[in-house]
């Protein structure tokens, strides 16, 4: 596929996610999920230079920039709406979940745009910025613990995490409200990043998997007798959660391209949030 066609697909993907029309498929590459640390460190590779600067002015790059701009604006509005005075209402948690999804899609679009403006020898300024501030590892700025939870390697990883947010987010939002949902996402993302850094040192990692596992843990503990639809059919929530927890704990430390420690850290934070709500230390119900 041509670079312009890929950029248009990214723009369409972002627009669909933040507008609530559902997820689209885009064959564009972005960064890896927190569950998939970048191998070998450094940046994700690039294409750019003077020739790329000229190509960046083409219609494909313009479409990507427009799509990213729209996504950033809509995600900002969706995330800020629940925090405005008198902006509650029964749909506020759903707007918060859509805002988180839109933020993930916007960052994915930024990575794709940065990659299209780079060359293998000369990374673009945007690619250098994202590689410095949206990837986590030991020794990076502390805000990377949170910002890395919005980055993804490719459309498949982004789609899987958005599907999980769309599946568990509304139920978590109904229990915690809009502010609590956003706070839980950030807390679980930071916890997953922190454990990844502690166990992997300077091996970079990024993605929403820590936050997603936190949502999963909170929902399973809140409704253990519910049913979760899997490829094998509906299964009890408690059984699914126990199986996932044992699997991730058994895989910690493996060099298989997946940061299982991030899954464990995010899930542990979600479980801690559930315990705090049960004890009345945090507002919500479970």
C-alpha atoms as a PDB file:
ATOM      1  CA  UNK A   1       0.000   0.000   0.000  1.00  0.00           C
ATOM      2  CA  UNK A   2       1.280   3.476  -0.791  1.00  0.00           C
ATOM      3  CA  UNK A   3       2.268   5.838   2.015  1.00  0.00           C
ATOM      4  CA  UNK A   4      -0.561   8.215   1.123  1.00  0.00           C
ATOM      5  CA  UNK A   5      -3.112   5.398   1.202  1.00  0.00           C
ATOM      6  CA  UNK A   6      -1.822   4.245   4.561  1.00  0.00           C
ATOM      7  CA  UNK A   7      -2.035   7.744   5.977  1.00  0.00           C
ATOM      8  CA  UNK A   8      -5.631   8.056   4.790  1.00  0.00           C
ATOM      9  CA  UNK A   9      -6.466   4.741   6.488  1.00  0.00           C
ATOM     10  CA  UNK A  10      -4.962   6.002   9.742  1.00  0.00           C
ATOM     11  CA  UNK A  11      -6.988   9.204   9.537  1.00  0.00           C
ATOM     12  CA  UNK A  12     -10.166   7.234   8.865  1.00  0.00           C
ATOM     13  CA  UNK A  13      -9.366   4.871  11.747  1.00  0.00           C
ATOM     14  CA  UNK A  14      -8.911   7.730  14.219  1.00  0.00           C
ATOM     15  CA  UNK A  15     -12.049   9.487  13.053  1.00  0.00           C
ATOM     16  CA  UNK A  16     -14.150   6.340  13.473  1.00  0.00           C
ATOM     17  CA  UNK A  17     -12.888   5.600  16.984  1.00  0.00           C
ATOM     18  CA  UNK A  18     -13.325   9.074  18.469  1.00  0.00           C
ATOM     19  CA  UNK A  19     -16.686   9.634  16.799  1.00  0.00           C
ATOM     20  CA  UNK A  20     -18.119   6.469  18.330  1.00  0.00           C
ATOM     21  CA  UNK A  21     -18.797   4.771  14.985  1.00  0.00           C
ATOM     22  CA  UNK A  22     -16.854   1.686  16.067  1.00  0.00           C
ATOM     23  CA  UNK A  23     -13.378   0.467  15.342  1.00  0.00           C
ATOM     24  CA  UNK A  24     -11.986   0.398  11.845  1.00  0.00           C
ATOM     25  CA  UNK A  25      -9.122  -1.626  10.439  1.00  0.00           C
ATOM     26  CA  UNK A  26      -6.044   0.239   9.355  1.00  0.00           C
ATOM     27  CA  UNK A  27      -2.874  -1.343   8.017  1.00  0.00           C
ATOM     28  CA  UNK A  28      -0.562   1.245   9.549  1.00  0.00           C
ATOM     29  CA  UNK A  29       2.275   0.590  11.941  1.00  0.00           C
ATOM     30  CA  UNK A  30       2.538   2.278  15.322  1.00  0.00           C
ATOM     31  CA  UNK A  31       4.531   1.537  18.476  1.00  0.00           C
ATOM     32  CA  UNK A  32       4.224  -1.572  20.651  1.00  0.00           C
ATOM     33  CA  UNK A  33       1.850  -2.125  23.525  1.00  0.00           C
ATOM     34  CA  UNK A  34       3.192  -2.061  27.044  1.00  0.00           C
ATOM     35  CA  UNK A  35       2.784  -5.794  26.847  1.00  0.00           C
ATOM     36  CA  UNK A  36       5.232  -5.741  23.915  1.00  0.00           C
ATOM     37  CA  UNK A  37       8.491  -3.997  24.821  1.00  0.00           C
ATOM     38  CA  UNK A  38      10.544  -2.593  22.000  1.00  0.00           C
ATOM     39  CA  UNK A  39      13.412  -4.918  21.239  1.00  0.00           C
ATOM     40  CA  UNK A  40      16.916  -3.554  21.105  1.00  0.00           C
ATOM     41  CA  UNK A  41      15.947  -0.127  22.484  1.00  0.00           C
ATOM     42  CA  UNK A  42      16.087   3.035  20.411  1.00  0.00           C
ATOM     43  CA  UNK A  43      13.367   4.296  18.142  1.00  0.00           C
ATOM     44  CA  UNK A  44      10.957   2.308  16.040  1.00  0.00           C
ATOM     45  CA  UNK A  45      12.826   2.973  12.832  1.00  0.00           C
ATOM     46  CA  UNK A  46      11.859   5.706  10.452  1.00  0.00           C
ATOM     47  CA  UNK A  47      11.710   7.350   7.143  1.00  0.00           C
ATOM     48  CA  UNK A  48      12.193  11.121   6.625  1.00  0.00           C
ATOM     49  CA  UNK A  49      14.854  13.674   5.668  1.00  0.00           C
ATOM     50  CA  UNK A  50      14.523  16.354   3.045  1.00  0.00           C
ATOM     51  CA  UNK A  51      12.730  14.037   0.651  1.00  0.00           C
ATOM     52  CA  UNK A  52      10.264  13.139   3.380  1.00  0.00           C
ATOM     53  CA  UNK A  53       9.709  16.826   4.103  1.00  0.00           C
ATOM     54  CA  UNK A  54       8.535  17.242   0.543  1.00  0.00           C
ATOM     55  CA  UNK A  55       6.411  14.106   0.693  1.00  0.00           C
ATOM     56  CA  UNK A  56       4.899  15.281   4.000  1.00  0.00           C
ATOM     57  CA  UNK A  57       3.219  18.044   2.025  1.00  0.00           C
ATOM     58  CA  UNK A  58       1.383  15.492  -0.122  1.00  0.00           C
ATOM     59  CA  UNK A  59      -2.339  14.691   0.214  1.00  0.00           C
ATOM     60  CA  UNK A  60      -1.713  11.492   2.194  1.00  0.00           C
ATOM     61  CA  UNK A  61       0.269  13.212   4.919  1.00  0.00           C
ATOM     62  CA  UNK A  62      -2.235  16.078   4.947  1.00  0.00           C
ATOM     63  CA  UNK A  63      -5.040  13.587   5.493  1.00  0.00           C
ATOM     64  CA  UNK A  64      -3.131  12.029   8.392  1.00  0.00           C
ATOM     65  CA  UNK A  65      -2.478  15.432   9.958  1.00  0.00           C
ATOM     66  CA  UNK A  66      -6.119  16.425   9.595  1.00  0.00           C
ATOM     67  CA  UNK A  67      -7.290  13.112  11.076  1.00  0.00           C
ATOM     68  CA  UNK A  68      -4.879  13.435  13.979  1.00  0.00           C
ATOM     69  CA  UNK A  69      -5.964  17.022  14.623  1.00  0.00           C
ATOM     70  CA  UNK A  70      -9.634  16.049  14.665  1.00  0.00           C
ATOM     71  CA  UNK A  71      -8.923  13.099  16.947  1.00  0.00           C
ATOM     72  CA  UNK A  72      -6.939  15.200  19.415  1.00  0.00           C
ATOM     73  CA  UNK A  73      -9.707  17.800  19.586  1.00  0.00           C
ATOM     74  CA  UNK A  74     -12.485  15.254  20.021  1.00  0.00           C
ATOM     75  CA  UNK A  75     -10.525  13.202  22.555  1.00  0.00           C
ATOM     76  CA  UNK A  76      -9.782  16.354  24.543  1.00  0.00           C
ATOM     77  CA  UNK A  77     -13.457  17.261  24.599  1.00  0.00           C
ATOM     78  CA  UNK A  78     -14.555  13.757  25.538  1.00  0.00           C
ATOM     79  CA  UNK A  79     -12.010  13.523  28.345  1.00  0.00           C
ATOM     80  CA  UNK A  80     -12.690  16.991  29.730  1.00  0.00           C
ATOM     81  CA  UNK A  81     -16.499  16.888  29.508  1.00  0.00           C
ATOM     82  CA  UNK A  82     -17.043  14.737  32.633  1.00  0.00           C
ATOM     83  CA  UNK A  83     -14.852  17.105  34.682  1.00  0.00           C
ATOM     84  CA  UNK A  84     -16.752  20.283  33.880  1.00  0.00           C
ATOM     85  CA  UNK A  85     -19.121  21.638  36.547  1.00  0.00           C
ATOM     86  CA  UNK A  86     -22.564  20.115  36.134  1.00  0.00           C
ATOM     87  CA  UNK A  87     -21.400  17.833  33.343  1.00  0.00           C
ATOM     88  CA  UNK A  88     -22.447  14.582  35.045  1.00  0.00           C
ATOM     89  CA  UNK A  89     -25.342  12.578  33.772  1.00  0.00           C
ATOM     90  CA  UNK A  90     -25.775   8.883  33.122  1.00  0.00           C
ATOM     91  CA  UNK A  91     -23.702   8.957  29.931  1.00  0.00           C
ATOM     92  CA  UNK A  92     -20.629  10.641  31.477  1.00  0.00           C
ATOM     93  CA  UNK A  93     -18.787   7.341  32.118  1.00  0.00           C
ATOM     94  CA  UNK A  94     -19.384   6.254  28.527  1.00  0.00           C
ATOM     95  CA  UNK A  95     -18.010   9.575  27.290  1.00  0.00           C
ATOM     96  CA  UNK A  96     -14.939   9.079  29.474  1.00  0.00           C
ATOM     97  CA  UNK A  97     -14.339   5.607  28.027  1.00  0.00           C
ATOM     98  CA  UNK A  98     -14.728   6.944  24.494  1.00  0.00           C
ATOM     99  CA  UNK A  99     -12.311   9.739  25.368  1.00  0.00           C
ATOM    100  CA  UNK A 100      -9.699   7.221  26.522  1.00  0.00           C
ATOM    101  CA  UNK A 101     -10.189   5.268  23.312  1.00  0.00           C
ATOM    102  CA  UNK A 102      -9.869   8.451  21.292  1.00  0.00           C
ATOM    103  CA  UNK A 103      -6.672   9.427  23.098  1.00  0.00           C
ATOM    104  CA  UNK A 104      -5.154   6.024  22.291  1.00  0.00           C
ATOM    105  CA  UNK A 105      -6.158   6.376  18.648  1.00  0.00           C
ATOM    106  CA  UNK A 106      -4.766   9.920  18.454  1.00  0.00           C
ATOM    107  CA  UNK A 107      -1.367   8.859  19.800  1.00  0.00           C
ATOM    108  CA  UNK A 108      -1.341   5.937  17.374  1.00  0.00           C
ATOM    109  CA  UNK A 109      -1.985   8.382  14.551  1.00  0.00           C
ATOM    110  CA  UNK A 110       0.846  10.589  15.775  1.00  0.00           C
ATOM    111  CA  UNK A 111       3.278   7.655  15.637  1.00  0.00           C
ATOM    112  CA  UNK A 112       2.139   6.800  12.107  1.00  0.00           C
ATOM    113  CA  UNK A 113       2.544  10.410  10.993  1.00  0.00           C
ATOM    114  CA  UNK A 114       5.994  10.637  12.611  1.00  0.00           C
ATOM    115  CA  UNK A 115       7.061   7.451  10.867  1.00  0.00           C
ATOM    116  CA  UNK A 116       5.888   8.707   7.490  1.00  0.00           C
ATOM    117  CA  UNK A 117       8.055  11.825   7.903  1.00  0.00           C
ATOM    118  CA  UNK A 118      11.220   9.893   8.791  1.00  0.00           C
ATOM    119  CA  UNK A 119      13.859   7.872   7.011  1.00  0.00           C
ATOM    120  CA  UNK A 120      15.830   4.911   8.283  1.00  0.00           C
ATOM    121  CA  UNK A 121      18.721   7.280   8.842  1.00  0.00           C
ATOM    122  CA  UNK A 122      16.965  10.474   9.931  1.00  0.00           C
ATOM    123  CA  UNK A 123      14.073  10.267  12.404  1.00  0.00           C
ATOM    124  CA  UNK A 124      11.693  13.190  12.235  1.00  0.00           C
ATOM    125  CA  UNK A 125      11.416  15.622  15.182  1.00  0.00           C
ATOM    126  CA  UNK A 126       7.979  14.186  15.992  1.00  0.00           C
ATOM    127  CA  UNK A 127       9.370  10.647  16.070  1.00  0.00           C
ATOM    128  CA  UNK A 128      12.176  11.726  18.387  1.00  0.00           C
ATOM    129  CA  UNK A 129       9.654  13.468  20.659  1.00  0.00           C
ATOM    130  CA  UNK A 130       7.343  10.432  20.853  1.00  0.00           C
ATOM    131  CA  UNK A 131      10.255   8.044  21.384  1.00  0.00           C
ATOM    132  CA  UNK A 132      11.468  10.221  24.258  1.00  0.00           C
ATOM    133  CA  UNK A 133       8.128  10.952  25.958  1.00  0.00           C
ATOM    134  CA  UNK A 134       5.709   8.109  25.057  1.00  0.00           C
ATOM    135  CA  UNK A 135       7.885   5.070  25.785  1.00  0.00           C
ATOM    136  CA  UNK A 136       8.710   3.817  29.280  1.00  0.00           C
ATOM    137  CA  UNK A 137      11.916   2.311  30.633  1.00  0.00           C
ATOM    138  CA  UNK A 138      14.134   2.756  33.656  1.00  0.00           C
ATOM    139  CA  UNK A 139      15.739   6.201  33.679  1.00  0.00           C
ATOM    140  CA  UNK A 140      13.142   7.969  31.506  1.00  0.00           C
ATOM    141  CA  UNK A 141      11.111  10.979  32.735  1.00  0.00           C
ATOM    142  CA  UNK A 142       8.458   9.987  35.301  1.00  0.00           C
ATOM    143  CA  UNK A 143       5.553  11.101  33.126  1.00  0.00           C
ATOM    144  CA  UNK A 144       6.447   8.327  30.683  1.00  0.00           C
ATOM    145  CA  UNK A 145       4.904   5.904  33.176  1.00  0.00           C
ATOM    146  CA  UNK A 146       1.517   7.351  32.179  1.00  0.00           C
ATOM    147  CA  UNK A 147       2.036   8.574  28.603  1.00  0.00           C
ATOM    148  CA  UNK A 148       3.392   5.210  27.451  1.00  0.00           C
ATOM    149  CA  UNK A 149      -0.014   3.722  28.284  1.00  0.00           C
ATOM    150  CA  UNK A 150      -1.433   5.458  25.188  1.00  0.00           C
ATOM    151  CA  UNK A 151       1.082   4.086  22.647  1.00  0.00           C
ATOM    152  CA  UNK A 152       0.766   0.958  20.499  1.00  0.00           C
ATOM    153  CA  UNK A 153       2.944  -0.886  18.018  1.00  0.00           C
ATOM    154  CA  UNK A 154       0.424  -1.622  15.275  1.00  0.00           C
ATOM    155  CA  UNK A 155      -3.271  -1.559  14.417  1.00  0.00           C
ATOM    156  CA  UNK A 156      -3.848  -5.089  15.712  1.00  0.00           C
ATOM    157  CA  UNK A 157      -2.503  -4.320  19.185  1.00  0.00           C
ATOM    158  CA  UNK A 158      -4.411  -1.051  19.265  1.00  0.00           C
ATOM    159  CA  UNK A 159      -7.606  -2.781  18.148  1.00  0.00           C
ATOM    160  CA  UNK A 160      -7.323  -5.504  20.800  1.00  0.00           C
ATOM    161  CA  UNK A 161      -6.864  -2.971  23.593  1.00  0.00           C
ATOM    162  CA  UNK A 162      -9.660  -0.737  22.302  1.00  0.00           C
ATOM    163  CA  UNK A 163     -11.940  -3.773  22.133  1.00  0.00           C
ATOM    164  CA  UNK A 164     -11.109  -4.574  25.767  1.00  0.00           C
ATOM    165  CA  UNK A 165     -11.749  -0.976  26.827  1.00  0.00           C
ATOM    166  CA  UNK A 166     -15.041  -0.967  24.935  1.00  0.00           C
ATOM    167  CA  UNK A 167     -16.027  -4.303  26.555  1.00  0.00           C
ATOM    168  CA  UNK A 168     -15.101  -3.612  30.198  1.00  0.00           C
ATOM    169  CA  UNK A 169     -15.082   0.195  30.270  1.00  0.00           C
ATOM    170  CA  UNK A 170     -18.850   0.845  30.457  1.00  0.00           C
ATOM    171  CA  UNK A 171     -19.306  -1.561  33.373  1.00  0.00           C
ATOM    172  CA  UNK A 172     -16.318  -0.123  35.225  1.00  0.00           C
ATOM    173  CA  UNK A 173     -17.634   3.366  34.489  1.00  0.00           C
ATOM    174  CA  UNK A 174     -21.031   2.504  35.952  1.00  0.00           C
ATOM    175  CA  UNK A 175     -19.285   1.456  39.166  1.00  0.00           C
ATOM    176  CA  UNK A 176     -16.706   4.254  39.442  1.00  0.00           C
ATOM    177  CA  UNK A 177     -18.160   7.146  37.447  1.00  0.00           C
ATOM    178  CA  UNK A 178     -16.346   9.143  34.788  1.00  0.00           C
ATOM    179  CA  UNK A 179     -13.579  10.528  36.981  1.00  0.00           C
ATOM    180  CA  UNK A 180     -12.966   7.208  38.659  1.00  0.00           C
ATOM    181  CA  UNK A 181     -12.733   5.456  35.286  1.00  0.00           C
ATOM    182  CA  UNK A 182     -10.076   7.834  33.978  1.00  0.00           C
ATOM    183  CA  UNK A 183      -8.222   7.678  37.315  1.00  0.00           C
ATOM    184  CA  UNK A 184      -8.269   3.868  37.281  1.00  0.00           C
ATOM    185  CA  UNK A 185      -6.921   3.787  33.717  1.00  0.00           C
ATOM    186  CA  UNK A 186      -4.027   6.077  34.603  1.00  0.00           C
ATOM    187  CA  UNK A 187      -3.266   4.354  37.918  1.00  0.00           C
ATOM    188  CA  UNK A 188      -3.197   0.880  36.366  1.00  0.00           C
ATOM    189  CA  UNK A 189      -1.156   2.126  33.411  1.00  0.00           C
ATOM    190  CA  UNK A 190       1.405   3.694  35.758  1.00  0.00           C
ATOM    191  CA  UNK A 191       1.530   0.555  37.923  1.00  0.00           C
ATOM    192  CA  UNK A 192       2.095  -1.646  34.888  1.00  0.00           C
ATOM    193  CA  UNK A 193       4.839   0.649  33.593  1.00  0.00           C
ATOM    194  CA  UNK A 194       6.517   0.804  36.999  1.00  0.00           C
ATOM    195  CA  UNK A 195       6.669  -2.975  37.401  1.00  0.00           C
ATOM    196  CA  UNK A 196       7.876  -3.346  33.824  1.00  0.00           C
ATOM    197  CA  UNK A 197      10.712  -0.896  34.488  1.00  0.00           C
ATOM    198  CA  UNK A 198      11.634  -2.545  37.790  1.00  0.00           C
ATOM    199  CA  UNK A 199      11.910  -5.989  36.211  1.00  0.00           C
ATOM    200  CA  UNK A 200      13.233  -5.044  32.760  1.00  0.00           C
ATOM    201  CA  UNK A 201      15.478  -2.065  33.455  1.00  0.00           C
ATOM    202  CA  UNK A 202      16.176  -0.144  30.273  1.00  0.00           C
ATOM    203  CA  UNK A 203      14.248  -2.441  27.938  1.00  0.00           C
ATOM    204  CA  UNK A 204      11.606  -0.059  26.539  1.00  0.00           C
ATOM    205  CA  UNK A 205       7.925  -0.879  26.663  1.00  0.00           C
ATOM    206  CA  UNK A 206       4.647   0.862  25.936  1.00  0.00           C
ATOM    207  CA  UNK A 207       0.917   0.323  25.556  1.00  0.00           C
ATOM    208  CA  UNK A 208      -2.462   0.207  27.258  1.00  0.00           C
ATOM    209  CA  UNK A 209      -2.260  -3.419  28.391  1.00  0.00           C
ATOM    210  CA  UNK A 210      -1.491  -2.555  32.015  1.00  0.00           C
ATOM    211  CA  UNK A 211      -4.574  -0.341  32.186  1.00  0.00           C
ATOM    212  CA  UNK A 212      -6.695  -2.947  30.373  1.00  0.00           C
ATOM    213  CA  UNK A 213      -5.658  -5.675  32.838  1.00  0.00           C
ATOM    214  CA  UNK A 214      -6.559  -3.303  35.660  1.00  0.00           C
ATOM    215  CA  UNK A 215     -10.049  -2.877  34.215  1.00  0.00           C
ATOM    216  CA  UNK A 216     -10.332  -6.653  33.837  1.00  0.00           C
ATOM    217  CA  UNK A 217      -9.280  -7.303  37.445  1.00  0.00           C
ATOM    218  CA  UNK A 218     -11.667  -4.678  38.817  1.00  0.00           C
ATOM    219  CA  UNK A 219     -14.603  -6.053  36.816  1.00  0.00           C
ATOM    220  CA  UNK A 220     -13.926  -9.707  37.620  1.00  0.00           C
ATOM    221  CA  UNK A 221     -13.673  -8.986  41.350  1.00  0.00           C
ATOM    222  CA  UNK A 222     -16.786  -6.805  41.247  1.00  0.00           C
ATOM    223  CA  UNK A 223     -18.877  -9.388  39.407  1.00  0.00           C
ATOM    224  CA  UNK A 224     -17.209 -12.798  39.837  1.00  0.00           C
ATOM    225  CA  UNK A 225     -20.316 -14.754  38.872  1.00  0.00           C
ATOM    226  CA  UNK A 226     -20.845 -12.883  35.630  1.00  0.00           C
ATOM    227  CA  UNK A 227     -20.043 -14.349  32.224  1.00  0.00           C
ATOM    228  CA  UNK A 228     -17.239 -13.299  29.881  1.00  0.00           C
ATOM    229  CA  UNK A 229     -17.542 -14.176  26.201  1.00  0.00           C
ATOM    230  CA  UNK A 230     -14.398 -15.844  24.831  1.00  0.00           C
ATOM    231  CA  UNK A 231     -13.538 -17.737  21.654  1.00  0.00           C
ATOM    232  CA  UNK A 232     -14.606 -20.892  23.498  1.00  0.00           C
ATOM    233  CA  UNK A 233     -17.939 -19.379  24.463  1.00  0.00           C
ATOM    234  CA  UNK A 234     -19.172 -17.752  27.699  1.00  0.00           C
ATOM    235  CA  UNK A 235     -17.119 -18.625  30.796  1.00  0.00           C
ATOM    236  CA  UNK A 236     -17.523 -17.585  34.456  1.00  0.00           C
ATOM    237  CA  UNK A 237     -15.752 -14.331  35.185  1.00  0.00           C
ATOM    238  CA  UNK A 238     -13.947 -15.722  38.253  1.00  0.00           C
ATOM    239  CA  UNK A 239     -12.588 -18.670  36.246  1.00  0.00           C
ATOM    240  CA  UNK A 240     -11.443 -16.451  33.406  1.00  0.00           C
ATOM    241  CA  UNK A 241      -9.753 -14.023  35.784  1.00  0.00           C
ATOM    242  CA  UNK A 242      -8.028 -16.818  37.729  1.00  0.00           C
ATOM    243  CA  UNK A 243      -6.749 -18.458  34.542  1.00  0.00           C
ATOM    244  CA  UNK A 244      -5.389 -15.174  33.171  1.00  0.00           C
ATOM    245  CA  UNK A 245      -3.731 -14.317  36.489  1.00  0.00           C
ATOM    246  CA  UNK A 246      -1.991 -17.692  36.773  1.00  0.00           C
ATOM    247  CA  UNK A 247      -0.900 -17.539  33.138  1.00  0.00           C
ATOM    248  CA  UNK A 248       0.626 -14.076  33.466  1.00  0.00           C
ATOM    249  CA  UNK A 249       2.337 -14.879  36.767  1.00  0.00           C
ATOM    250  CA  UNK A 250       3.869 -18.015  35.273  1.00  0.00           C
ATOM    251  CA  UNK A 251       5.243 -16.058  32.299  1.00  0.00           C
ATOM    252  CA  UNK A 252       6.898 -13.229  34.206  1.00  0.00           C
ATOM    253  CA  UNK A 253      10.517 -12.862  33.227  1.00  0.00           C
ATOM    254  CA  UNK A 254      10.181 -14.564  29.845  1.00  0.00           C
ATOM    255  CA  UNK A 255      11.872 -12.852  26.922  1.00  0.00           C
ATOM    256  CA  UNK A 256       9.047 -13.543  24.476  1.00  0.00           C
ATOM    257  CA  UNK A 257       8.480  -9.954  23.324  1.00  0.00           C
ATOM    258  CA  UNK A 258       5.660  -9.458  25.849  1.00  0.00           C
ATOM    259  CA  UNK A 259       6.019  -7.618  29.154  1.00  0.00           C
ATOM    260  CA  UNK A 260       3.975  -9.892  31.384  1.00  0.00           C
ATOM    261  CA  UNK A 261       5.131  -7.871  34.369  1.00  0.00           C
ATOM    262  CA  UNK A 262       3.118  -4.935  32.993  1.00  0.00           C
ATOM    263  CA  UNK A 263       0.020  -7.138  32.901  1.00  0.00           C
ATOM    264  CA  UNK A 264       0.645  -8.230  36.494  1.00  0.00           C
ATOM    265  CA  UNK A 265       1.285  -4.673  37.690  1.00  0.00           C
ATOM    266  CA  UNK A 266      -1.844  -3.285  36.047  1.00  0.00           C
ATOM    267  CA  UNK A 267      -3.983  -6.162  37.281  1.00  0.00           C
ATOM    268  CA  UNK A 268      -2.658  -5.750  40.821  1.00  0.00           C
ATOM    269  CA  UNK A 269      -3.525  -2.043  40.747  1.00  0.00           C
ATOM    270  CA  UNK A 270      -7.051  -2.867  39.564  1.00  0.00           C
ATOM    271  CA  UNK A 271      -7.441  -5.383  42.390  1.00  0.00           C
ATOM    272  CA  UNK A 272      -6.158  -2.818  44.904  1.00  0.00           C
ATOM    273  CA  UNK A 273      -8.674  -0.264  43.612  1.00  0.00           C
ATOM    274  CA  UNK A 274     -11.474  -2.816  44.048  1.00  0.00           C
ATOM    275  CA  UNK A 275     -10.352  -3.500  47.639  1.00  0.00           C
ATOM    276  CA  UNK A 276     -10.224   0.250  48.373  1.00  0.00           C
ATOM    277  CA  UNK A 277     -13.768   0.728  47.065  1.00  0.00           C
ATOM    278  CA  UNK A 278     -15.009  -2.242  49.103  1.00  0.00           C
ATOM    279  CA  UNK A 279     -13.400  -0.776  52.219  1.00  0.00           C
ATOM    280  CA  UNK A 280     -14.962   2.629  51.581  1.00  0.00           C
ATOM    281  CA  UNK A 281     -11.618   4.314  50.987  1.00  0.00           C
ATOM    282  CA  UNK A 282     -12.547   5.244  47.409  1.00  0.00           C
ATOM    283  CA  UNK A 283     -15.871   6.379  46.018  1.00  0.00           C
ATOM    284  CA  UNK A 284     -17.715   3.825  43.921  1.00  0.00           C
ATOM    285  CA  UNK A 285     -19.553   0.531  44.183  1.00  0.00           C
ATOM    286  CA  UNK A 286     -18.573  -3.050  43.496  1.00  0.00           C
END
